[in-house]
Amino acid sequence: MELTKENFDSVVLQAEKLVLVDFWAPWCGPCKVMGPIVDEMDEEIEGLMVGKVNVDEGESLARQFNILSIPTFIIFKGGKEVAKFAGAMSKEELTEKVKQYL
């Protein structure tokens, strides 16, 4: 799901599920590597919702969450940020990071 300043609060902060937000950009090589992995996780992990913020279009959200490098991933649970990490990683590593909050 594409996240914007307009829908972020209603989609992420009021979500009943765990939410993984992927801050990315189309010109970012590591983001291109992580994109399909994140999409697979969205389909495979029960109780997880994935949202994506294109930092070029969502600069205010990137500033709000102090995104200094991409890809950056933030996990939200109950409307609160519970984890934040950056960089490309294996699907197994990202899955492990997410599943500890389910």
Protein backbone atom coordinates (compact mmCIF):
# COMPACT_ATOMS: atom_id res chain seq x y z
CA MET A 1 0.00 0.00 0.00
CA GLU A 2 1.34 3.43 -0.94
CA LEU A 3 1.38 5.75 2.06
CA THR A 4 1.01 9.52 1.92
CA LYS A 5 0.77 12.32 4.46
CA GLU A 6 -3.00 12.22 3.92
CA ASN A 7 -3.53 8.51 4.66
CA PHE A 8 -0.62 7.70 7.02
CA ASP A 9 -2.45 8.28 10.31
CA SER A 10 -5.58 6.35 9.35
CA VAL A 11 -3.72 3.46 7.72
CA VAL A 12 -0.68 3.05 9.99
CA LEU A 13 -1.36 4.66 13.35
CA GLN A 14 -4.91 3.27 13.62
CA ALA A 15 -4.11 -0.19 12.23
CA GLU A 16 -5.09 -3.25 14.20
CA LYS A 17 -2.31 -5.27 12.57
CA LEU A 18 1.44 -4.90 12.89
CA VAL A 19 2.61 -2.47 10.18
CA LEU A 20 5.95 -2.50 8.39
CA VAL A 21 6.62 0.82 6.65
CA ASP A 22 9.25 0.81 3.89
CA PHE A 23 10.78 4.23 3.16
CA TRP A 24 12.25 3.97 -0.35
CA ALA A 25 12.91 5.76 -3.65
CA PRO A 26 12.78 4.54 -7.27
CA TRP A 27 16.43 5.54 -7.90
CA CYS A 28 17.76 3.62 -4.86
CA GLY A 29 19.54 0.36 -5.77
CA PRO A 30 19.16 -1.34 -2.35
CA CYS A 31 15.48 -0.28 -2.34
CA LYS A 32 14.97 -2.12 -5.64
CA VAL A 33 16.46 -5.24 -4.05
CA MET A 34 14.24 -4.98 -0.96
CA GLY A 35 11.00 -4.12 -2.79
CA PRO A 36 10.10 -7.68 -3.89
CA ILE A 37 11.12 -9.07 -0.49
CA VAL A 38 8.81 -6.65 1.32
CA ASP A 39 5.99 -7.44 -1.12
CA GLU A 40 6.39 -11.19 -0.47
CA MET A 41 6.31 -10.63 3.28
CA ASP A 42 3.07 -8.67 2.93
CA GLU A 43 1.46 -11.74 1.35
CA GLU A 44 3.14 -14.43 3.47
CA ILE A 45 3.09 -13.16 7.07
CA GLU A 46 -0.28 -13.41 8.77
CA GLY A 47 -1.07 -10.34 10.87
CA LEU A 48 1.31 -8.02 9.00
CA MET A 49 0.45 -5.09 6.79
CA VAL A 50 3.09 -3.43 4.63
CA GLY A 51 3.04 0.21 3.57
CA LYS A 52 5.53 2.08 1.41
CA VAL A 53 6.58 5.70 1.44
CA ASN A 54 8.34 7.05 -1.64
CA VAL A 55 10.64 9.60 0.04
CA ASP A 56 10.73 11.77 -3.10
CA GLU A 57 6.95 12.21 -2.94
CA GLY A 58 6.56 11.94 0.82
CA GLU A 59 9.32 14.26 2.00
CA SER A 60 7.30 15.46 4.99
CA LEU A 61 6.84 11.88 6.25
CA ALA A 62 10.55 11.17 5.73
CA ARG A 63 11.38 14.28 7.80
CA GLN A 64 8.78 13.42 10.44
CA PHE A 65 10.37 10.00 11.00
CA ASN A 66 13.96 11.27 10.64
CA ILE A 67 14.79 9.09 7.63
CA LEU A 68 18.47 9.68 6.92
CA SER A 69 19.15 6.77 4.56
CA ILE A 70 17.07 4.42 2.48
CA PRO A 71 15.74 1.86 2.55
CA THR A 72 14.63 2.42 6.13
CA PHE A 73 12.01 0.20 7.73
CA ILE A 74 9.86 1.16 10.71
CA ILE A 75 7.63 -1.30 12.54
CA PHE A 76 4.49 0.12 14.14
CA LYS A 77 2.43 -1.77 16.70
CA GLY A 78 -0.68 -0.25 18.21
CA GLY A 79 0.09 3.04 16.47
CA LYS A 80 3.54 3.33 18.08
CA GLU A 81 6.97 2.95 16.51
CA VAL A 82 8.56 -0.15 18.05
CA ALA A 83 11.57 -0.71 15.78
CA LYS A 84 13.55 1.12 13.10
CA PHE A 85 16.37 -0.20 10.95
CA ALA A 86 17.98 0.66 7.62
CA GLY A 87 19.72 -1.01 4.71
CA ALA A 88 19.33 -4.04 2.50
CA MET A 89 19.15 -7.43 4.19
CA SER A 90 18.07 -10.96 3.45
CA LYS A 91 14.41 -11.92 3.53
CA GLU A 92 15.18 -14.19 6.48
CA GLU A 93 16.76 -11.35 8.46
CA LEU A 94 13.90 -8.94 7.79
CA THR A 95 11.32 -11.63 8.58
CA GLU A 96 13.05 -12.36 11.89
CA LYS A 97 13.04 -8.66 12.82
CA VAL A 98 9.31 -8.37 12.03
CA LYS A 99 8.16 -11.61 13.65
CA GLN A 100 9.52 -10.69 17.07
CA TYR A 101 6.76 -8.04 17.28
CA LEU A 102 3.84 -10.22 16.13
